[in-house]
PDB file of N, CA and C in Angstrom:
ATOM      1  N   THR A   1      16.376   9.483 -10.140  1.00  0.00           N
ATOM      2  CA  THR A   1      17.424   9.046  -9.228  1.00  0.00           C
ATOM      3  C   THR A   1      18.766   9.068  -9.955  1.00  0.00           C
ATOM      4  N   SER A   2      19.838   8.879  -9.253  1.00  0.00           N
ATOM      5  CA  SER A   2      21.165   8.908  -9.872  1.00  0.00           C
ATOM      6  C   SER A   2      21.371   7.755 -10.852  1.00  0.00           C
ATOM      7  N   SER A   3      20.589   6.701 -10.725  1.00  0.00           N
ATOM      8  CA  SER A   3      20.714   5.550 -11.624  1.00  0.00           C
ATOM      9  C   SER A   3      20.077   5.802 -12.983  1.00  0.00           C
ATOM     10  N   GLY A   4      19.202   6.807 -13.065  1.00  0.00           N
ATOM     11  CA  GLY A   4      18.470   7.077 -14.295  1.00  0.00           C
ATOM     12  C   GLY A   4      16.989   6.752 -14.188  1.00  0.00           C
ATOM     13  N   LEU A   5      16.583   6.095 -13.111  1.00  0.00           N
ATOM     14  CA  LEU A   5      15.174   5.806 -12.869  1.00  0.00           C
ATOM     15  C   LEU A   5      14.440   7.115 -12.589  1.00  0.00           C
ATOM     16  N   VAL A   6      13.255   7.279 -13.187  1.00  0.00           N
ATOM     17  CA  VAL A   6      12.421   8.448 -12.914  1.00  0.00           C
ATOM     18  C   VAL A   6      11.165   7.955 -12.198  1.00  0.00           C
ATOM     19  N   VAL A   7      10.908   8.510 -11.009  1.00  0.00           N
ATOM     20  CA  VAL A   7       9.752   8.123 -10.203  1.00  0.00           C
ATOM     21  C   VAL A   7       8.832   9.330 -10.064  1.00  0.00           C
ATOM     22  N   LEU A   8       7.602   9.193 -10.520  1.00  0.00           N
ATOM     23  CA  LEU A   8       6.592  10.235 -10.368  1.00  0.00           C
ATOM     24  C   LEU A   8       5.506   9.683  -9.454  1.00  0.00           C
ATOM     25  N   HIS A   9       5.430  10.211  -8.240  1.00  0.00           N
ATOM     26  CA  HIS A   9       4.434   9.740  -7.278  1.00  0.00           C
ATOM     27  C   HIS A   9       3.083  10.358  -7.618  1.00  0.00           C
ATOM     28  N   GLU A  10       2.119   9.512  -7.961  1.00  0.00           N
ATOM     29  CA  GLU A  10       0.766   9.971  -8.264  1.00  0.00           C
ATOM     30  C   GLU A  10      -0.069  10.034  -6.991  1.00  0.00           C
ATOM     31  N   ALA A  11       0.258   9.181  -6.022  1.00  0.00           N
ATOM     32  CA  ALA A  11      -0.403   9.183  -4.710  1.00  0.00           C
ATOM     33  C   ALA A  11       0.615   8.705  -3.691  1.00  0.00           C
ATOM     34  N   GLU A  12       0.793   9.475  -2.634  1.00  0.00           N
ATOM     35  CA  GLU A  12       1.718   9.077  -1.567  1.00  0.00           C
ATOM     36  C   GLU A  12       1.016   8.079  -0.662  1.00  0.00           C
ATOM     37  N   GLY A  13       1.676   6.992  -0.370  1.00  0.00           N
ATOM     38  CA  GLY A  13       1.118   6.040   0.577  1.00  0.00           C
ATOM     39  C   GLY A  13       1.464   6.448   1.993  1.00  0.00           C
ATOM     40  N   SER A  14       0.834   5.793   2.952  1.00  0.00           N
ATOM     41  CA  SER A  14       1.121   6.100   4.352  1.00  0.00           C
ATOM     42  C   SER A  14       1.641   4.881   5.103  1.00  0.00           C
ATOM     43  N   GLY A  15       1.765   3.757   4.409  1.00  0.00           N
ATOM     44  CA  GLY A  15       2.238   2.531   5.044  1.00  0.00           C
ATOM     45  C   GLY A  15       3.745   2.386   4.954  1.00  0.00           C
ATOM     46  N   ALA A  16       4.195   1.166   5.174  1.00  0.00           N
ATOM     47  CA  ALA A  16       5.624   0.854   5.185  1.00  0.00           C
ATOM     48  C   ALA A  16       6.221   0.895   3.782  1.00  0.00           C
ATOM     49  N   SER A  17       7.520   1.171   3.717  1.00  0.00           N
ATOM     50  CA  SER A  17       8.282   1.048   2.473  1.00  0.00           C
ATOM     51  C   SER A  17       8.967  -0.312   2.477  1.00  0.00           C
ATOM     52  N   PRO A  18       8.927  -1.028   1.363  1.00  0.00           N
ATOM     53  CA  PRO A  18       9.575  -2.332   1.327  1.00  0.00           C
ATOM     54  C   PRO A  18      11.091  -2.219   1.222  1.00  0.00           C
ATOM     55  N   THR A  19      11.772  -3.279   1.624  1.00  0.00           N
ATOM     56  CA  THR A  19      13.212  -3.412   1.420  1.00  0.00           C
ATOM     57  C   THR A  19      13.427  -4.456   0.336  1.00  0.00           C
ATOM     58  N   ALA A  20      14.657  -4.596  -0.123  1.00  0.00           N
ATOM     59  CA  ALA A  20      14.969  -5.545  -1.190  1.00  0.00           C
ATOM     60  C   ALA A  20      14.682  -6.986  -0.784  1.00  0.00           C
ATOM     61  N   SER A  21      14.636  -7.267   0.516  1.00  0.00           N
ATOM     62  CA  SER A  21      14.393  -8.638   0.966  1.00  0.00           C
ATOM     63  C   SER A  21      12.912  -8.943   1.218  1.00  0.00           C
ATOM     64  N   ASP A  22      12.042  -7.948   1.061  1.00  0.00           N
ATOM     65  CA  ASP A  22      10.605  -8.148   1.282  1.00  0.00           C
ATOM     66  C   ASP A  22       9.915  -8.708   0.041  1.00  0.00           C
ATOM     67  N   ARG A  23       8.715  -9.221   0.270  1.00  0.00           N
ATOM     68  CA  ARG A  23       7.798  -9.555  -0.820  1.00  0.00           C
ATOM     69  C   ARG A  23       6.721  -8.475  -0.822  1.00  0.00           C
ATOM     70  N   VAL A  24       6.231  -8.143  -2.010  1.00  0.00           N
ATOM     71  CA  VAL A  24       5.211  -7.106  -2.131  1.00  0.00           C
ATOM     72  C   VAL A  24       4.009  -7.618  -2.912  1.00  0.00           C
ATOM     73  N   VAL A  25       2.886  -6.951  -2.693  1.00  0.00           N
ATOM     74  CA  VAL A  25       1.670  -7.179  -3.462  1.00  0.00           C
ATOM     75  C   VAL A  25       1.403  -5.878  -4.207  1.00  0.00           C
ATOM     76  N   VAL A  26       1.314  -5.956  -5.530  1.00  0.00           N
ATOM     77  CA  VAL A  26       1.142  -4.753  -6.348  1.00  0.00           C
ATOM     78  C   VAL A  26       0.114  -4.984  -7.448  1.00  0.00           C
ATOM     79  N   HIS A  27      -0.473  -3.891  -7.868  1.00  0.00           N
ATOM     80  CA  HIS A  27      -1.182  -3.847  -9.143  1.00  0.00           C
ATOM     81  C   HIS A  27      -0.296  -2.994 -10.036  1.00  0.00           C
ATOM     82  N   TYR A  28      -0.197  -3.359 -11.310  1.00  0.00           N
ATOM     83  CA  TYR A  28       0.691  -2.611 -12.199  1.00  0.00           C
ATOM     84  C   TYR A  28       0.244  -2.730 -13.645  1.00  0.00           C
ATOM     85  N   GLU A  29       0.737  -1.787 -14.437  1.00  0.00           N
ATOM     86  CA  GLU A  29       0.604  -1.860 -15.885  1.00  0.00           C
ATOM     87  C   GLU A  29       1.926  -1.424 -16.481  1.00  0.00           C
ATOM     88  N   GLY A  30       2.434  -2.206 -17.414  1.00  0.00           N
ATOM     89  CA  GLY A  30       3.675  -1.879 -18.102  1.00  0.00           C
ATOM     90  C   GLY A  30       3.401  -1.456 -19.530  1.00  0.00           C
ATOM     91  N   ARG A  31       4.045  -0.361 -19.934  1.00  0.00           N
ATOM     92  CA  ARG A  31       3.915   0.139 -21.306  1.00  0.00           C
ATOM     93  C   ARG A  31       5.304   0.390 -21.874  1.00  0.00           C
ATOM     94  N   ASN A  32       5.406   0.270 -23.196  1.00  0.00           N
ATOM     95  CA  ASN A  32       6.676   0.622 -23.833  1.00  0.00           C
ATOM     96  C   ASN A  32       6.701   2.125 -24.079  1.00  0.00           C
ATOM     97  N   ALA A  33       7.788   2.616 -24.647  1.00  0.00           N
ATOM     98  CA  ALA A  33       7.950   4.059 -24.855  1.00  0.00           C
ATOM     99  C   ALA A  33       6.887   4.634 -25.789  1.00  0.00           C
ATOM    100  N   ASP A  34       6.269   3.779 -26.624  1.00  0.00           N
ATOM    101  CA  ASP A  34       5.205   4.226 -27.525  1.00  0.00           C
ATOM    102  C   ASP A  34       3.839   4.236 -26.849  1.00  0.00           C
ATOM    103  N   GLY A  35       3.803   3.840 -25.572  1.00  0.00           N
ATOM    104  CA  GLY A  35       2.548   3.845 -24.837  1.00  0.00           C
ATOM    105  C   GLY A  35       1.712   2.591 -25.000  1.00  0.00           C
ATOM    106  N   ILE A  36       2.271   1.568 -25.645  1.00  0.00           N
ATOM    107  CA  ILE A  36       1.534   0.325 -25.861  1.00  0.00           C
ATOM    108  C   ILE A  36       1.723  -0.599 -24.657  1.00  0.00           C
ATOM    109  N   ALA A  37       0.605  -1.012 -24.051  1.00  0.00           N
ATOM    110  CA  ALA A  37       0.663  -1.886 -22.874  1.00  0.00           C
ATOM    111  C   ALA A  37       1.144  -3.277 -23.277  1.00  0.00           C
ATOM    112  N   PHE A  38       2.076  -3.830 -22.479  1.00  0.00           N
ATOM    113  CA  PHE A  38       2.554  -5.192 -22.735  1.00  0.00           C
ATOM    114  C   PHE A  38       2.259  -6.136 -21.580  1.00  0.00           C
ATOM    115  N   ASP A  39       1.873  -5.603 -20.418  1.00  0.00           N
ATOM    116  CA  ASP A  39       1.545  -6.454 -19.277  1.00  0.00           C
ATOM    117  C   ASP A  39       0.716  -5.642 -18.291  1.00  0.00           C
ATOM    118  N   SER A  40      -0.275  -6.294 -17.671  1.00  0.00           N
ATOM    119  CA  SER A  40      -1.123  -5.576 -16.726  1.00  0.00           C
ATOM    120  C   SER A  40      -1.787  -6.536 -15.750  1.00  0.00           C
ATOM    121  N   SER A  41      -1.527  -6.336 -14.468  1.00  0.00           N
ATOM    122  CA  SER A  41      -2.244  -7.112 -13.451  1.00  0.00           C
ATOM    123  C   SER A  41      -3.692  -6.632 -13.365  1.00  0.00           C
ATOM    124  N   TYR A  42      -3.930  -5.371 -13.708  1.00  0.00           N
ATOM    125  CA  TYR A  42      -5.298  -4.849 -13.715  1.00  0.00           C
ATOM    126  C   TYR A  42      -6.144  -5.632 -14.721  1.00  0.00           C
ATOM    127  N   ALA A  43      -5.582  -5.856 -15.919  1.00  0.00           N
ATOM    128  CA  ALA A  43      -6.304  -6.576 -16.967  1.00  0.00           C
ATOM    129  C   ALA A  43      -6.595  -8.014 -16.546  1.00  0.00           C
ATOM    130  N   ARG A  44      -5.683  -8.612 -15.794  1.00  0.00           N
ATOM    131  CA  ARG A  44      -5.890  -9.986 -15.317  1.00  0.00           C
ATOM    132  C   ARG A  44      -6.862 -10.031 -14.136  1.00  0.00           C
ATOM    133  N   GLY A  45      -7.069  -8.882 -13.475  1.00  0.00           N
ATOM    134  CA  GLY A  45      -7.974  -8.829 -12.341  1.00  0.00           C
ATOM    135  C   GLY A  45      -7.384  -9.365 -11.048  1.00  0.00           C
ATOM    136  N   ASP A  46      -6.083  -9.562 -11.033  1.00  0.00           N
ATOM    137  CA  ASP A  46      -5.397 -10.131  -9.873  1.00  0.00           C
ATOM    138  C   ASP A  46      -4.111  -9.370  -9.609  1.00  0.00           C
ATOM    139  N   PRO A  47      -3.901  -8.875  -8.386  1.00  0.00           N
ATOM    140  CA  PRO A  47      -2.607  -8.256  -8.097  1.00  0.00           C
ATOM    141  C   PRO A  47      -1.497  -9.308  -8.135  1.00  0.00           C
ATOM    142  N   ALA A  48      -0.286  -8.852  -8.338  1.00  0.00           N
ATOM    143  CA  ALA A  48       0.885  -9.730  -8.393  1.00  0.00           C
ATOM    144  C   ALA A  48       1.623  -9.684  -7.060  1.00  0.00           C
ATOM    145  N   THR A  49       2.198 -10.815  -6.666  1.00  0.00           N
ATOM    146  CA  THR A  49       3.020 -10.905  -5.458  1.00  0.00           C
ATOM    147  C   THR A  49       4.388 -11.424  -5.866  1.00  0.00           C
ATOM    148  N   PHE A  50       5.447 -10.740  -5.442  1.00  0.00           N
ATOM    149  CA  PHE A  50       6.800 -11.175  -5.793  1.00  0.00           C
ATOM    150  C   PHE A  50       7.824 -10.581  -4.845  1.00  0.00           C
ATOM    151  N   ALA A  51       9.038 -11.109  -4.912  1.00  0.00           N
ATOM    152  CA  ALA A  51      10.150 -10.614  -4.104  1.00  0.00           C
ATOM    153  C   ALA A  51      10.696  -9.337  -4.729  1.00  0.00           C
ATOM    154  N   VAL A  52      10.878  -8.308  -3.925  1.00  0.00           N
ATOM    155  CA  VAL A  52      11.391  -7.027  -4.417  1.00  0.00           C
ATOM    156  C   VAL A  52      12.750  -7.215  -5.095  1.00  0.00           C
ATOM    157  N   GLY A  53      13.599  -8.066  -4.531  1.00  0.00           N
ATOM    158  CA  GLY A  53      14.921  -8.294  -5.095  1.00  0.00           C
ATOM    159  C   GLY A  53      14.949  -9.264  -6.257  1.00  0.00           C
ATOM    160  N   GLY A  54      13.784  -9.792  -6.663  1.00  0.00           N
ATOM    161  CA  GLY A  54      13.737 -10.788  -7.726  1.00  0.00           C
ATOM    162  C   GLY A  54      13.213 -10.280  -9.049  1.00  0.00           C
ATOM    163  N   VAL A  55      13.161  -8.969  -9.220  1.00  0.00           N
ATOM    164  CA  VAL A  55      12.624  -8.374 -10.446  1.00  0.00           C
ATOM    165  C   VAL A  55      13.692  -7.492 -11.094  1.00  0.00           C
ATOM    166  N   ILE A  56      13.355  -6.838 -12.193  1.00  0.00           N
ATOM    167  CA  ILE A  56      14.335  -5.972 -12.858  1.00  0.00           C
ATOM    168  C   ILE A  56      14.797  -4.870 -11.896  1.00  0.00           C
ATOM    169  N   PRO A  57      16.030  -4.396 -12.045  1.00  0.00           N
ATOM    170  CA  PRO A  57      16.590  -3.408 -11.112  1.00  0.00           C
ATOM    171  C   PRO A  57      15.752  -2.140 -10.957  1.00  0.00           C
ATOM    172  N   GLY A  58      15.108  -1.679 -12.016  1.00  0.00           N
ATOM    173  CA  GLY A  58      14.276  -0.482 -11.921  1.00  0.00           C
ATOM    174  C   GLY A  58      13.098  -0.659 -10.977  1.00  0.00           C
ATOM    175  N   TRP A  59      12.525  -1.856 -10.961  1.00  0.00           N
ATOM    176  CA  TRP A  59      11.446  -2.167 -10.016  1.00  0.00           C
ATOM    177  C   TRP A  59      11.998  -2.249  -8.605  1.00  0.00           C
ATOM    178  N   THR A  60      13.119  -2.943  -8.430  1.00  0.00           N
ATOM    179  CA  THR A  60      13.706  -3.094  -7.095  1.00  0.00           C
ATOM    180  C   THR A  60      13.963  -1.726  -6.475  1.00  0.00           C
ATOM    181  N   GLU A  61      14.552  -0.823  -7.249  1.00  0.00           N
ATOM    182  CA  GLU A  61      14.840   0.522  -6.749  1.00  0.00           C
ATOM    183  C   GLU A  61      13.557   1.317  -6.516  1.00  0.00           C
ATOM    184  N   GLY A  62      12.671   1.317  -7.497  1.00  0.00           N
ATOM    185  CA  GLY A  62      11.457   2.121  -7.418  1.00  0.00           C
ATOM    186  C   GLY A  62      10.522   1.716  -6.297  1.00  0.00           C
ATOM    187  N   LEU A  63      10.351   0.420  -6.100  1.00  0.00           N
ATOM    188  CA  LEU A  63       9.456  -0.049  -5.034  1.00  0.00           C
ATOM    189  C   LEU A  63       9.925   0.404  -3.660  1.00  0.00           C
ATOM    190  N   GLN A  64      11.234   0.457  -3.462  1.00  0.00           N
ATOM    191  CA  GLN A  64      11.769   0.867  -2.163  1.00  0.00           C
ATOM    192  C   GLN A  64      11.577   2.360  -1.896  1.00  0.00           C
ATOM    193  N   LEU A  65      11.200   3.114  -2.926  1.00  0.00           N
ATOM    194  CA  LEU A  65      10.925   4.546  -2.784  1.00  0.00           C
ATOM    195  C   LEU A  65       9.434   4.818  -2.582  1.00  0.00           C
ATOM    196  N   MET A  66       8.643   3.744  -2.510  1.00  0.00           N
ATOM    197  CA  MET A  66       7.195   3.866  -2.337  1.00  0.00           C
ATOM    198  C   MET A  66       6.788   3.436  -0.931  1.00  0.00           C
ATOM    199  N   ARG A  67       5.547   3.774  -0.574  1.00  0.00           N
ATOM    200  CA  ARG A  67       4.944   3.317   0.680  1.00  0.00           C
ATOM    201  C   ARG A  67       3.641   2.589   0.336  1.00  0.00           C
ATOM    202  N   VAL A  68       3.255   1.660   1.189  1.00  0.00           N
ATOM    203  CA  VAL A  68       1.993   0.948   0.987  1.00  0.00           C
ATOM    204  C   VAL A  68       0.855   1.962   0.879  1.00  0.00           C
ATOM    205  N   GLY A  69       0.001   1.763  -0.117  1.00  0.00           N
ATOM    206  CA  GLY A  69      -1.098   2.687  -0.383  1.00  0.00           C
ATOM    207  C   GLY A  69      -0.743   3.705  -1.446  1.00  0.00           C
ATOM    208  N   GLY A  70       0.521   3.739  -1.849  1.00  0.00           N
ATOM    209  CA  GLY A  70       0.971   4.702  -2.846  1.00  0.00           C
ATOM    210  C   GLY A  70       0.847   4.180  -4.263  1.00  0.00           C
ATOM    211  N   LYS A  71       0.885   5.120  -5.197  1.00  0.00           N
ATOM    212  CA  LYS A  71       0.850   4.802  -6.621  1.00  0.00           C
ATOM    213  C   LYS A  71       1.894   5.673  -7.294  1.00  0.00           C
ATOM    214  N   ALA A  72       2.699   5.077  -8.156  1.00  0.00           N
ATOM    215  CA  ALA A  72       3.762   5.833  -8.814  1.00  0.00           C
ATOM    216  C   ALA A  72       3.923   5.370 -10.255  1.00  0.00           C
ATOM    217  N   ARG A  73       4.481   6.268 -11.055  1.00  0.00           N
ATOM    218  CA  ARG A  73       4.867   5.913 -12.421  1.00  0.00           C
ATOM    219  C   ARG A  73       6.383   5.816 -12.449  1.00  0.00           C
ATOM    220  N   LEU A  74       6.881   4.645 -12.827  1.00  0.00           N
ATOM    221  CA  LEU A  74       8.318   4.403 -12.916  1.00  0.00           C
ATOM    222  C   LEU A  74       8.722   4.395 -14.383  1.00  0.00           C
ATOM    223  N   THR A  75       9.595   5.320 -14.772  1.00  0.00           N
ATOM    224  CA  THR A  75      10.156   5.305 -16.119  1.00  0.00           C
ATOM    225  C   THR A  75      11.534   4.687 -15.996  1.00  0.00           C
ATOM    226  N   ILE A  76      11.676   3.508 -16.588  1.00  0.00           N
ATOM    227  CA  ILE A  76      12.849   2.670 -16.372  1.00  0.00           C
ATOM    228  C   ILE A  76      13.690   2.604 -17.639  1.00  0.00           C
ATOM    229  N   PRO A  77      14.914   3.169 -17.608  1.00  0.00           N
ATOM    230  CA  PRO A  77      15.793   3.060 -18.775  1.00  0.00           C
ATOM    231  C   PRO A  77      16.215   1.604 -18.975  1.00  0.00           C
ATOM    232  N   SER A  78      16.626   1.275 -20.178  1.00  0.00           N
ATOM    233  CA  SER A  78      16.894  -0.129 -20.519  1.00  0.00           C
ATOM    234  C   SER A  78      17.923  -0.786 -19.612  1.00  0.00           C
ATOM    235  N   HIS A  79      18.939  -0.033 -19.153  1.00  0.00           N
ATOM    236  CA  HIS A  79      19.968  -0.662 -18.314  1.00  0.00           C
ATOM    237  C   HIS A  79      19.433  -1.069 -16.942  1.00  0.00           C
ATOM    238  N   LEU A  80      18.256  -0.556 -16.560  1.00  0.00           N
ATOM    239  CA  LEU A  80      17.603  -0.971 -15.315  1.00  0.00           C
ATOM    240  C   LEU A  80      16.410  -1.888 -15.600  1.00  0.00           C
ATOM    241  N   GLY A  81      16.231  -2.214 -16.885  1.00  0.00           N
ATOM    242  CA  GLY A  81      15.130  -3.084 -17.305  1.00  0.00           C
ATOM    243  C   GLY A  81      15.666  -4.381 -17.872  1.00  0.00           C
ATOM    244  N   TYR A  82      15.403  -4.590 -19.157  1.00  0.00           N
ATOM    245  CA  TYR A  82      15.809  -5.839 -19.801  1.00  0.00           C
ATOM    246  C   TYR A  82      17.038  -5.686 -20.685  1.00  0.00           C
ATOM    247  N   GLY A  83      17.635  -4.480 -20.684  1.00  0.00           N
ATOM    248  CA  GLY A  83      18.928  -4.256 -21.319  1.00  0.00           C
ATOM    249  C   GLY A  83      18.995  -4.538 -22.806  1.00  0.00           C
ATOM    250  N   ASP A  84      20.179  -4.978 -23.237  1.00  0.00           N
ATOM    251  CA  ASP A  84      20.451  -5.204 -24.657  1.00  0.00           C
ATOM    252  C   ASP A  84      19.676  -6.382 -25.236  1.00  0.00           C
ATOM    253  N   LYS A  85      19.227  -7.286 -24.393  1.00  0.00           N
ATOM    254  CA  LYS A  85      18.528  -8.479 -24.888  1.00  0.00           C
ATOM    255  C   LYS A  85      17.021  -8.276 -24.996  1.00  0.00           C
ATOM    256  N   GLY A  86      16.459  -7.399 -24.176  1.00  0.00           N
ATOM    257  CA  GLY A  86      15.011  -7.250 -24.154  1.00  0.00           C
ATOM    258  C   GLY A  86      14.368  -8.488 -23.552  1.00  0.00           C
ATOM    259  N   SER A  87      13.083  -8.634 -23.784  1.00  0.00           N
ATOM    260  CA  SER A  87      12.332  -9.812 -23.351  1.00  0.00           C
ATOM    261  C   SER A  87      11.320 -10.137 -24.451  1.00  0.00           C
ATOM    262  N   PRO A  88      11.847 -10.695 -25.566  1.00  0.00           N
ATOM    263  CA  PRO A  88      10.981 -10.964 -26.723  1.00  0.00           C
ATOM    264  C   PRO A  88       9.810 -11.880 -26.357  1.00  0.00           C
ATOM    265  N   PRO A  89       8.676 -11.750 -27.021  1.00  0.00           N
ATOM    266  CA  PRO A  89       8.459 -10.839 -28.147  1.00  0.00           C
ATOM    267  C   PRO A  89       7.914  -9.476 -27.734  1.00  0.00           C
ATOM    268  N   LYS A  90       7.563  -9.290 -26.474  1.00  0.00           N
ATOM    269  CA  LYS A  90       6.863  -8.058 -26.084  1.00  0.00           C
ATOM    270  C   LYS A  90       7.774  -6.871 -25.826  1.00  0.00           C
ATOM    271  N   ILE A  91       9.007  -7.116 -25.379  1.00  0.00           N
ATOM    272  CA  ILE A  91       9.903  -6.018 -25.015  1.00  0.00           C
ATOM    273  C   ILE A  91      11.161  -6.097 -25.868  1.00  0.00           C
ATOM    274  N   PRO A  92      11.363  -5.122 -26.763  1.00  0.00           N
ATOM    275  CA  PRO A  92      12.548  -5.150 -27.621  1.00  0.00           C
ATOM    276  C   PRO A  92      13.827  -4.792 -26.864  1.00  0.00           C
ATOM    277  N   ALA A  93      14.951  -5.036 -27.493  1.00  0.00           N
ATOM    278  CA  ALA A  93      16.251  -4.676 -26.922  1.00  0.00           C
ATOM    279  C   ALA A  93      16.308  -3.175 -26.660  1.00  0.00           C
ATOM    280  N   LYS A  94      16.993  -2.799 -25.598  1.00  0.00           N
ATOM    281  CA  LYS A  94      17.254  -1.400 -25.242  1.00  0.00           C
ATOM    282  C   LYS A  94      15.985  -0.567 -25.061  1.00  0.00           C
ATOM    283  N   ALA A  95      14.911  -1.191 -24.603  1.00  0.00           N
ATOM    284  CA  ALA A  95      13.626  -0.500 -24.457  1.00  0.00           C
ATOM    285  C   ALA A  95      13.538   0.245 -23.127  1.00  0.00           C
ATOM    286  N   THR A  96      13.059   1.495 -23.206  1.00  0.00           N
ATOM    287  CA  THR A  96      12.662   2.227 -22.007  1.00  0.00           C
ATOM    288  C   THR A  96      11.243   1.786 -21.688  1.00  0.00           C
ATOM    289  N   LEU A  97      10.992   1.485 -20.415  1.00  0.00           N
ATOM    290  CA  LEU A  97       9.687   0.980 -19.993  1.00  0.00           C
ATOM    291  C   LEU A  97       9.040   1.943 -19.009  1.00  0.00           C
ATOM    292  N   VAL A  98       7.724   2.032 -19.060  1.00  0.00           N
ATOM    293  CA  VAL A  98       6.975   2.883 -18.141  1.00  0.00           C
ATOM    294  C   VAL A  98       5.952   2.008 -17.419  1.00  0.00           C
ATOM    295  N   PHE A  99       6.092   1.933 -16.105  1.00  0.00           N
ATOM    296  CA  PHE A  99       5.177   1.143 -15.293  1.00  0.00           C
ATOM    297  C   PHE A  99       4.390   2.049 -14.364  1.00  0.00           C
ATOM    298  N   THR A 100       3.086   1.847 -14.300  1.00  0.00           N
ATOM    299  CA  THR A 100       2.267   2.428 -13.250  1.00  0.00           C
ATOM    300  C   THR A 100       2.139   1.342 -12.194  1.00  0.00           C
ATOM    301  N   VAL A 101       2.540   1.658 -10.968  1.00  0.00           N
ATOM    302  CA  VAL A 101       2.596   0.662  -9.902  1.00  0.00           C
ATOM    303  C   VAL A 101       1.818   1.162  -8.690  1.00  0.00           C
ATOM    304  N   GLU A 102       0.955   0.312  -8.179  1.00  0.00           N
ATOM    305  CA  GLU A 102       0.198   0.593  -6.964  1.00  0.00           C
ATOM    306  C   GLU A 102       0.661  -0.411  -5.908  1.00  0.00           C
ATOM    307  N   LEU A 103       1.278   0.072  -4.836  1.00  0.00           N
ATOM    308  CA  LEU A 103       1.804  -0.806  -3.786  1.00  0.00           C
ATOM    309  C   LEU A 103       0.689  -1.111  -2.784  1.00  0.00           C
ATOM    310  N   LEU A 104       0.207  -2.349  -2.817  1.00  0.00           N
ATOM    311  CA  LEU A 104      -0.930  -2.752  -1.989  1.00  0.00           C
ATOM    312  C   LEU A 104      -0.514  -3.328  -0.642  1.00  0.00           C
ATOM    313  N   GLY A 105       0.671  -3.953  -0.589  1.00  0.00           N
ATOM    314  CA  GLY A 105       1.086  -4.559   0.667  1.00  0.00           C
ATOM    315  C   GLY A 105       2.531  -4.998   0.661  1.00  0.00           C
ATOM    316  N   VAL A 106       3.096  -5.159   1.860  1.00  0.00           N
ATOM    317  CA  VAL A 106       4.454  -5.669   2.053  1.00  0.00           C
ATOM    318  C   VAL A 106       4.341  -6.886   2.961  1.00  0.00           C
ATOM    319  N   GLU A 107       5.009  -7.972   2.569  1.00  0.00           N
ATOM    320  CA  GLU A 107       4.969  -9.206   3.371  1.00  0.00           C
ATOM    321  C   GLU A 107       6.328  -9.504   3.958  1.00  0.00           C
TER     322      GLU A 107
END
């Protein structure tokens, strides 16, 4: 996208696309640029539910480009992620993040 977000659709969904004011249910895995996983709803065995507008900008933008039932890989540059501060200890400053996201539902 023009913001620098890279979205690779692994599976196109056929349901609704969320807006910034919606809540979504997703399964996801986050990895750093070295491929090391730092967070995973799959590993916890529970999908996550949150407000689309309440997460890092790369997620907010990327989720709105998906449809329910879809799966995508979001490569998020640091300015759309945690920026210059990072999110210690798992995410360093200026980190590019790669998330695999499965959109299960929109509320």
